[in-house]
Amino acid sequence: MRYSITINGSAKSVDVAPDMPLLWILRDVLGMTGTKFGCGVGVCGACTVLQNGEAVRSCQIAASDANGKRFTTIEGLSRDASHPCQRAWIAEDVAQCGYCQAGMIMTACALLRDKPNPSDADIDAVMSDLVCRCGTYPRIRKAIHLAAKLGAQK
């Protein structure tokens, strides 16, 4: 079946099975490999993208449900890592292995959209739904606070 999905502001038409997860459309059909496969059941958050600014797990969104909707991936934040969250992640040296970080950054973007100056408790509440096996949570929190400051300057 053919579906129309807007990814990073660009309309895409894909011919896939109705139950194909958005994650595989992004990675295998569109070649956008920044969004990672982690658990495949919506628990780890490695596949997080934004749907109208809200953080969603792309492994849990079927092509039929994605049809006609708009999504932003890590590739869509900026072409040159200039987005405040990306800059903060680099400045705070957050990534260790880096595998989960695209999902972490996308979740942080959604948090900062809703709470431009989040408290530690706000950050912990939102980010606790994501899994980082390297345990970089203290650096993630610092990066989100820095991103909030950088975003306020834009």
N, C-alpha and C. Protein backbone atom coordinates (compact mmCIF):
# COMPACT_ATOMS: atom_id res chain seq x y z
N MET A 1 0.84 -1.18 0.00
CA MET A 1 0.00 0.00 0.00
C MET A 1 0.89 1.25 0.00
N ARG A 2 0.38 2.30 -0.54
CA ARG A 2 1.12 3.55 -0.62
C ARG A 2 0.64 4.50 0.48
N TYR A 3 1.62 5.06 1.20
CA TYR A 3 1.33 5.99 2.29
C TYR A 3 2.12 7.27 2.09
N SER A 4 1.53 8.38 2.52
CA SER A 4 2.18 9.69 2.47
C SER A 4 2.51 10.10 3.90
N ILE A 5 3.79 10.38 4.11
CA ILE A 5 4.28 10.76 5.43
C ILE A 5 5.22 11.95 5.24
N THR A 6 5.11 12.93 6.11
CA THR A 6 6.03 14.06 6.04
C THR A 6 7.13 13.82 7.08
N ILE A 7 8.36 13.78 6.57
CA ILE A 7 9.53 13.55 7.42
C ILE A 7 10.44 14.76 7.31
N ASN A 8 10.71 15.39 8.43
CA ASN A 8 11.60 16.55 8.48
C ASN A 8 11.20 17.62 7.47
N GLY A 9 9.89 17.81 7.34
CA GLY A 9 9.36 18.84 6.46
C GLY A 9 9.25 18.45 5.00
N SER A 10 9.63 17.24 4.66
CA SER A 10 9.60 16.79 3.27
C SER A 10 8.57 15.67 3.11
N ALA A 11 7.66 15.86 2.15
CA ALA A 11 6.63 14.84 1.90
C ALA A 11 7.27 13.62 1.25
N LYS A 12 6.96 12.46 1.80
CA LYS A 12 7.48 11.19 1.29
C LYS A 12 6.30 10.29 0.97
N SER A 13 6.44 9.54 -0.11
CA SER A 13 5.44 8.53 -0.46
C SER A 13 6.14 7.19 -0.41
N VAL A 14 5.61 6.28 0.39
CA VAL A 14 6.23 4.97 0.55
C VAL A 14 5.22 3.88 0.24
N ASP A 15 5.69 2.84 -0.38
CA ASP A 15 4.86 1.69 -0.72
C ASP A 15 5.30 0.54 0.18
N VAL A 16 4.58 0.35 1.29
CA VAL A 16 4.97 -0.64 2.30
C VAL A 16 3.72 -1.32 2.85
N ALA A 17 3.93 -2.39 3.58
CA ALA A 17 2.82 -3.08 4.25
C ALA A 17 2.22 -2.16 5.31
N PRO A 18 0.91 -2.25 5.52
CA PRO A 18 0.25 -1.37 6.49
C PRO A 18 0.79 -1.48 7.91
N ASP A 19 1.32 -2.65 8.26
CA ASP A 19 1.81 -2.84 9.63
C ASP A 19 3.31 -2.60 9.78
N MET A 20 3.98 -2.16 8.71
CA MET A 20 5.42 -1.88 8.84
C MET A 20 5.61 -0.71 9.78
N PRO A 21 6.45 -0.87 10.83
CA PRO A 21 6.69 0.23 11.75
C PRO A 21 7.40 1.41 11.08
N LEU A 22 7.06 2.60 11.53
CA LEU A 22 7.70 3.81 11.04
C LEU A 22 9.22 3.70 11.16
N LEU A 23 9.71 3.08 12.20
CA LEU A 23 11.15 2.89 12.38
C LEU A 23 11.78 2.27 11.15
N TRP A 24 11.17 1.21 10.62
CA TRP A 24 11.74 0.51 9.46
C TRP A 24 11.52 1.31 8.18
N ILE A 25 10.46 2.09 8.13
CA ILE A 25 10.28 2.98 6.98
C ILE A 25 11.42 3.99 6.96
N LEU A 26 11.71 4.59 8.11
CA LEU A 26 12.78 5.56 8.20
C LEU A 26 14.12 4.93 7.82
N ARG A 27 14.45 3.82 8.45
CA ARG A 27 15.78 3.21 8.28
C ARG A 27 15.93 2.48 6.94
N ASP A 28 15.01 1.58 6.65
CA ASP A 28 15.19 0.68 5.51
C ASP A 28 14.65 1.23 4.20
N VAL A 29 13.57 1.99 4.26
CA VAL A 29 12.97 2.50 3.03
C VAL A 29 13.55 3.87 2.67
N LEU A 30 13.70 4.74 3.65
CA LEU A 30 14.16 6.10 3.38
C LEU A 30 15.65 6.30 3.64
N GLY A 31 16.32 5.32 4.22
CA GLY A 31 17.76 5.41 4.45
C GLY A 31 18.17 6.39 5.53
N MET A 32 17.27 6.68 6.45
CA MET A 32 17.55 7.61 7.54
C MET A 32 17.90 6.80 8.79
N THR A 33 19.17 6.56 9.00
CA THR A 33 19.60 5.62 10.03
C THR A 33 19.92 6.27 11.38
N GLY A 34 19.64 7.56 11.54
CA GLY A 34 19.87 8.20 12.83
C GLY A 34 18.96 7.66 13.92
N THR A 35 17.74 7.31 13.56
CA THR A 35 16.80 6.72 14.50
C THR A 35 17.18 5.25 14.67
N LYS A 36 17.39 4.83 15.89
CA LYS A 36 17.94 3.49 16.15
C LYS A 36 16.88 2.48 16.60
N PHE A 37 17.11 1.22 16.25
CA PHE A 37 16.32 0.11 16.76
C PHE A 37 16.95 -0.33 18.07
N GLY A 38 16.13 -0.39 19.11
CA GLY A 38 16.62 -0.87 20.40
C GLY A 38 15.90 -2.14 20.79
N CYS A 39 14.74 -1.99 21.40
CA CYS A 39 14.00 -3.14 21.90
C CYS A 39 12.89 -3.59 20.96
N GLY A 40 12.35 -2.68 20.18
CA GLY A 40 11.26 -3.03 19.26
C GLY A 40 9.89 -3.12 19.90
N VAL A 41 9.79 -2.83 21.19
CA VAL A 41 8.50 -2.91 21.87
C VAL A 41 8.14 -1.60 22.58
N GLY A 42 8.83 -0.52 22.22
CA GLY A 42 8.49 0.79 22.76
C GLY A 42 8.95 1.08 24.16
N VAL A 43 9.91 0.32 24.67
CA VAL A 43 10.34 0.50 26.04
C VAL A 43 11.62 1.32 26.16
N CYS A 44 12.60 1.08 25.31
CA CYS A 44 13.92 1.69 25.52
C CYS A 44 14.03 3.14 25.07
N GLY A 45 13.30 3.52 24.03
CA GLY A 45 13.32 4.89 23.55
C GLY A 45 14.36 5.23 22.51
N ALA A 46 15.18 4.27 22.09
CA ALA A 46 16.20 4.55 21.08
C ALA A 46 15.59 5.02 19.76
N CYS A 47 14.37 4.64 19.49
CA CYS A 47 13.71 4.96 18.21
C CYS A 47 12.82 6.20 18.29
N THR A 48 12.97 7.00 19.33
CA THR A 48 12.09 8.14 19.53
C THR A 48 12.27 9.20 18.44
N VAL A 49 11.13 9.65 17.92
CA VAL A 49 11.06 10.75 16.96
C VAL A 49 9.99 11.71 17.48
N LEU A 50 9.83 12.83 16.82
CA LEU A 50 8.79 13.78 17.21
C LEU A 50 7.64 13.72 16.22
N GLN A 51 6.44 13.68 16.75
CA GLN A 51 5.23 13.79 15.94
C GLN A 51 4.52 15.05 16.42
N ASN A 52 4.54 16.07 15.58
CA ASN A 52 3.97 17.37 15.97
C ASN A 52 4.56 17.86 17.29
N GLY A 53 5.85 17.65 17.48
CA GLY A 53 6.53 18.12 18.68
C GLY A 53 6.49 17.18 19.86
N GLU A 54 5.69 16.14 19.79
CA GLU A 54 5.58 15.17 20.89
C GLU A 54 6.51 13.98 20.64
N ALA A 55 7.19 13.54 21.67
CA ALA A 55 8.07 12.38 21.55
C ALA A 55 7.23 11.11 21.44
N VAL A 56 7.51 10.33 20.37
CA VAL A 56 6.80 9.06 20.15
C VAL A 56 7.81 7.99 19.77
N ARG A 57 7.47 6.74 20.04
CA ARG A 57 8.33 5.61 19.70
C ARG A 57 8.00 5.14 18.29
N SER A 58 8.92 5.31 17.36
CA SER A 58 8.66 4.98 15.96
C SER A 58 8.48 3.48 15.74
N CYS A 59 8.96 2.65 16.65
CA CYS A 59 8.77 1.20 16.49
C CYS A 59 7.33 0.80 16.77
N GLN A 60 6.55 1.70 17.35
CA GLN A 60 5.17 1.40 17.72
C GLN A 60 4.15 2.06 16.81
N ILE A 61 4.59 2.73 15.76
CA ILE A 61 3.67 3.42 14.84
C ILE A 61 3.68 2.70 13.51
N ALA A 62 2.56 2.08 13.17
CA ALA A 62 2.43 1.37 11.90
C ALA A 62 2.31 2.37 10.75
N ALA A 63 2.72 1.94 9.57
CA ALA A 63 2.62 2.79 8.38
C ALA A 63 1.21 3.33 8.21
N SER A 64 0.22 2.49 8.44
CA SER A 64 -1.17 2.92 8.28
C SER A 64 -1.53 4.03 9.26
N ASP A 65 -0.92 4.03 10.44
CA ASP A 65 -1.17 5.07 11.43
C ASP A 65 -0.33 6.33 11.17
N ALA A 66 0.81 6.16 10.49
CA ALA A 66 1.68 7.29 10.18
C ALA A 66 1.19 8.07 8.97
N ASN A 67 0.33 7.46 8.17
CA ASN A 67 -0.15 8.08 6.95
C ASN A 67 -0.73 9.46 7.21
N GLY A 68 -0.24 10.44 6.45
CA GLY A 68 -0.75 11.81 6.54
C GLY A 68 -0.19 12.61 7.71
N LYS A 69 0.71 12.02 8.49
CA LYS A 69 1.23 12.71 9.68
C LYS A 69 2.64 13.26 9.42
N ARG A 70 3.06 14.14 10.33
CA ARG A 70 4.36 14.82 10.23
C ARG A 70 5.27 14.34 11.36
N PHE A 71 6.50 14.02 11.00
CA PHE A 71 7.48 13.53 11.97
C PHE A 71 8.80 14.26 11.78
N THR A 72 9.53 14.41 12.88
CA THR A 72 10.88 14.95 12.84
C THR A 72 11.81 13.91 13.44
N THR A 73 12.89 13.63 12.73
CA THR A 73 13.91 12.69 13.20
C THR A 73 15.13 13.47 13.65
N ILE A 74 16.10 12.78 14.19
CA ILE A 74 17.34 13.43 14.61
C ILE A 74 17.98 14.16 13.44
N GLU A 75 17.86 13.63 12.23
CA GLU A 75 18.42 14.28 11.05
C GLU A 75 17.73 15.61 10.75
N GLY A 76 16.49 15.75 11.21
CA GLY A 76 15.72 16.95 10.93
C GLY A 76 15.92 18.09 11.92
N LEU A 77 16.64 17.85 13.01
CA LEU A 77 16.86 18.93 13.97
C LEU A 77 17.74 20.02 13.38
N SER A 78 18.81 19.62 12.72
CA SER A 78 19.70 20.57 12.04
C SER A 78 20.60 19.79 11.09
N ARG A 79 21.12 20.47 10.13
CA ARG A 79 22.04 19.84 9.17
C ARG A 79 23.46 19.79 9.70
N ASP A 80 23.74 20.64 10.69
CA ASP A 80 25.13 20.81 11.13
C ASP A 80 25.30 20.71 12.66
N ALA A 81 24.41 20.01 13.32
CA ALA A 81 24.47 19.84 14.78
C ALA A 81 24.39 21.17 15.52
N SER A 82 23.68 22.14 14.94
CA SER A 82 23.57 23.46 15.58
C SER A 82 22.33 23.62 16.46
N HIS A 83 21.47 22.62 16.47
CA HIS A 83 20.29 22.68 17.34
C HIS A 83 20.78 22.74 18.80
N PRO A 84 20.12 23.52 19.65
CA PRO A 84 20.57 23.65 21.04
C PRO A 84 20.75 22.31 21.77
N CYS A 85 19.89 21.36 21.53
CA CYS A 85 20.07 20.05 22.19
C CYS A 85 21.31 19.33 21.68
N GLN A 86 21.54 19.38 20.39
CA GLN A 86 22.73 18.74 19.84
C GLN A 86 24.00 19.43 20.34
N ARG A 87 23.99 20.74 20.36
CA ARG A 87 25.15 21.48 20.85
C ARG A 87 25.42 21.16 22.32
N ALA A 88 24.36 21.07 23.12
CA ALA A 88 24.52 20.76 24.54
C ALA A 88 25.05 19.36 24.75
N TRP A 89 24.56 18.41 23.95
CA TRP A 89 25.02 17.02 24.08
C TRP A 89 26.53 16.95 23.80
N ILE A 90 26.98 17.70 22.80
CA ILE A 90 28.41 17.70 22.47
C ILE A 90 29.20 18.41 23.57
N ALA A 91 28.72 19.56 24.02
CA ALA A 91 29.43 20.34 25.03
C ALA A 91 29.58 19.57 26.34
N GLU A 92 28.55 18.81 26.71
CA GLU A 92 28.59 18.06 27.97
C GLU A 92 29.16 16.65 27.79
N ASP A 93 29.60 16.32 26.58
CA ASP A 93 30.20 15.02 26.29
C ASP A 93 29.30 13.88 26.78
N VAL A 94 28.02 13.97 26.43
CA VAL A 94 27.02 13.03 26.94
C VAL A 94 27.25 11.61 26.45
N ALA A 95 27.42 11.46 25.16
CA ALA A 95 27.44 10.11 24.59
C ALA A 95 28.67 9.33 25.01
N GLN A 96 28.44 8.09 25.39
CA GLN A 96 29.54 7.17 25.60
C GLN A 96 29.55 6.26 24.38
N CYS A 97 28.64 5.30 24.31
CA CYS A 97 28.55 4.52 23.07
C CYS A 97 27.73 5.28 22.04
N GLY A 98 26.77 6.10 22.51
CA GLY A 98 26.00 6.95 21.63
C GLY A 98 24.76 6.33 21.02
N TYR A 99 24.57 5.04 21.19
CA TYR A 99 23.48 4.35 20.49
C TYR A 99 22.11 4.92 20.81
N CYS A 100 21.84 5.19 22.06
CA CYS A 100 20.51 5.65 22.48
C CYS A 100 20.34 7.16 22.37
N GLN A 101 21.38 7.86 22.04
CA GLN A 101 21.37 9.32 22.18
C GLN A 101 20.42 10.05 21.25
N ALA A 102 20.17 9.54 20.04
CA ALA A 102 19.20 10.21 19.16
C ALA A 102 17.83 10.25 19.84
N GLY A 103 17.43 9.13 20.43
CA GLY A 103 16.16 9.08 21.14
C GLY A 103 16.15 9.98 22.35
N MET A 104 17.28 10.05 23.06
CA MET A 104 17.39 10.93 24.22
C MET A 104 17.25 12.39 23.79
N ILE A 105 17.93 12.76 22.72
CA ILE A 105 17.88 14.14 22.24
C ILE A 105 16.47 14.51 21.80
N MET A 106 15.82 13.62 21.08
CA MET A 106 14.46 13.92 20.61
C MET A 106 13.51 14.07 21.79
N THR A 107 13.68 13.25 22.81
CA THR A 107 12.84 13.36 24.00
C THR A 107 13.12 14.67 24.73
N ALA A 108 14.39 15.04 24.80
CA ALA A 108 14.76 16.32 25.43
C ALA A 108 14.14 17.50 24.68
N CYS A 109 14.11 17.42 23.36
CA CYS A 109 13.49 18.49 22.56
C CYS A 109 12.01 18.64 22.91
N ALA A 110 11.32 17.52 23.03
CA ALA A 110 9.90 17.58 23.38
C ALA A 110 9.72 18.16 24.78
N LEU A 111 10.57 17.76 25.71
CA LEU A 111 10.50 18.29 27.07
C LEU A 111 10.70 19.81 27.06
N LEU A 112 11.71 20.28 26.36
CA LEU A 112 12.02 21.71 26.35
C LEU A 112 10.96 22.52 25.62
N ARG A 113 10.27 21.91 24.69
CA ARG A 113 9.15 22.60 24.04
C ARG A 113 8.04 22.86 25.06
N ASP A 114 7.79 21.86 25.91
CA ASP A 114 6.73 21.97 26.91
C ASP A 114 7.16 22.72 28.16
N LYS A 115 8.43 22.57 28.54
CA LYS A 115 8.97 23.22 29.74
C LYS A 115 10.32 23.82 29.39
N PRO A 116 10.35 25.06 28.96
CA PRO A 116 11.60 25.68 28.52
C PRO A 116 12.69 25.78 29.58
N ASN A 117 12.31 25.70 30.86
CA ASN A 117 13.29 25.75 31.94
C ASN A 117 12.98 24.64 32.94
N PRO A 118 13.22 23.39 32.57
CA PRO A 118 12.82 22.28 33.43
C PRO A 118 13.68 22.13 34.68
N SER A 119 13.06 21.63 35.72
CA SER A 119 13.79 21.31 36.95
C SER A 119 14.44 19.94 36.79
N ASP A 120 15.31 19.57 37.72
CA ASP A 120 15.88 18.22 37.70
C ASP A 120 14.77 17.18 37.77
N ALA A 121 13.76 17.44 38.58
CA ALA A 121 12.64 16.49 38.71
C ALA A 121 11.88 16.34 37.39
N ASP A 122 11.68 17.46 36.68
CA ASP A 122 11.02 17.41 35.37
C ASP A 122 11.83 16.54 34.41
N ILE A 123 13.13 16.79 34.37
CA ILE A 123 14.01 16.04 33.48
C ILE A 123 13.99 14.57 33.83
N ASP A 124 14.15 14.26 35.11
CA ASP A 124 14.19 12.86 35.54
C ASP A 124 12.89 12.14 35.22
N ALA A 125 11.77 12.82 35.40
CA ALA A 125 10.46 12.20 35.14
C ALA A 125 10.31 11.82 33.67
N VAL A 126 10.73 12.70 32.78
CA VAL A 126 10.58 12.44 31.34
C VAL A 126 11.65 11.46 30.85
N MET A 127 12.87 11.65 31.25
CA MET A 127 13.96 10.84 30.72
C MET A 127 14.04 9.46 31.35
N SER A 128 13.34 9.23 32.45
CA SER A 128 13.37 7.91 33.08
C SER A 128 12.69 6.84 32.24
N ASP A 129 11.95 7.25 31.22
CA ASP A 129 11.31 6.29 30.32
C ASP A 129 12.25 5.80 29.22
N LEU A 130 13.49 6.27 29.22
CA LEU A 130 14.46 5.86 28.21
C LEU A 130 15.60 5.10 28.87
N VAL A 131 16.21 4.21 28.12
CA VAL A 131 17.26 3.37 28.69
C VAL A 131 18.61 3.70 28.05
N CYS A 132 19.57 4.07 28.88
CA CYS A 132 20.94 4.28 28.45
C CYS A 132 21.79 3.25 29.21
N ARG A 133 22.28 2.28 28.50
CA ARG A 133 23.07 1.22 29.16
C ARG A 133 24.41 1.73 29.69
N CYS A 134 24.89 2.84 29.13
CA CYS A 134 26.17 3.39 29.59
C CYS A 134 26.01 4.16 30.90
N GLY A 135 24.77 4.54 31.22
CA GLY A 135 24.52 5.24 32.48
C GLY A 135 24.95 6.70 32.47
N THR A 136 24.76 7.38 31.37
CA THR A 136 25.19 8.78 31.28
C THR A 136 24.12 9.75 31.76
N TYR A 137 23.23 9.29 32.58
CA TYR A 137 22.11 10.12 33.03
C TYR A 137 22.51 11.45 33.66
N PRO A 138 23.55 11.52 34.51
CA PRO A 138 23.92 12.84 35.05
C PRO A 138 24.35 13.81 33.96
N ARG A 139 25.06 13.33 32.94
CA ARG A 139 25.47 14.20 31.83
C ARG A 139 24.26 14.59 30.98
N ILE A 140 23.32 13.69 30.84
CA ILE A 140 22.09 13.99 30.09
C ILE A 140 21.36 15.15 30.77
N ARG A 141 21.23 15.07 32.08
CA ARG A 141 20.54 16.13 32.83
C ARG A 141 21.27 17.46 32.65
N LYS A 142 22.61 17.44 32.77
CA LYS A 142 23.37 18.68 32.57
C LYS A 142 23.17 19.22 31.16
N ALA A 143 23.15 18.35 30.18
CA ALA A 143 22.98 18.78 28.79
C ALA A 143 21.61 19.40 28.57
N ILE A 144 20.59 18.86 29.19
CA ILE A 144 19.25 19.42 29.03
C ILE A 144 19.17 20.81 29.65
N HIS A 145 19.80 20.99 30.80
CA HIS A 145 19.84 22.34 31.39
C HIS A 145 20.60 23.30 30.48
N LEU A 146 21.69 22.85 29.90
CA LEU A 146 22.46 23.70 28.99
C LEU A 146 21.64 24.00 27.73
N ALA A 147 20.97 23.00 27.19
CA ALA A 147 20.12 23.21 26.00
C ALA A 147 19.03 24.24 26.27
N ALA A 148 18.49 24.20 27.47
CA ALA A 148 17.46 25.19 27.85
C ALA A 148 18.06 26.59 27.78
N LYS A 149 19.28 26.76 28.27
CA LYS A 149 19.93 28.07 28.22
C LYS A 149 20.25 28.47 26.77
N LEU A 150 20.73 27.53 26.00
CA LEU A 150 21.07 27.81 24.60
C LEU A 150 19.81 28.14 23.78
N GLY A 151 18.74 27.44 24.07
CA GLY A 151 17.48 27.68 23.37
C GLY A 151 16.91 29.04 23.66
N ALA A 152 17.12 29.51 24.86
CA ALA A 152 16.62 30.83 25.26
C ALA A 152 17.37 31.94 24.53
N GLN A 153 18.56 31.64 24.05
CA GLN A 153 19.36 32.64 23.36
C GLN A 153 19.04 32.69 21.87
N LYS A 154 18.29 31.72 21.37
CA LYS A 154 18.00 31.68 19.92
C LYS A 154 16.88 32.59 19.56
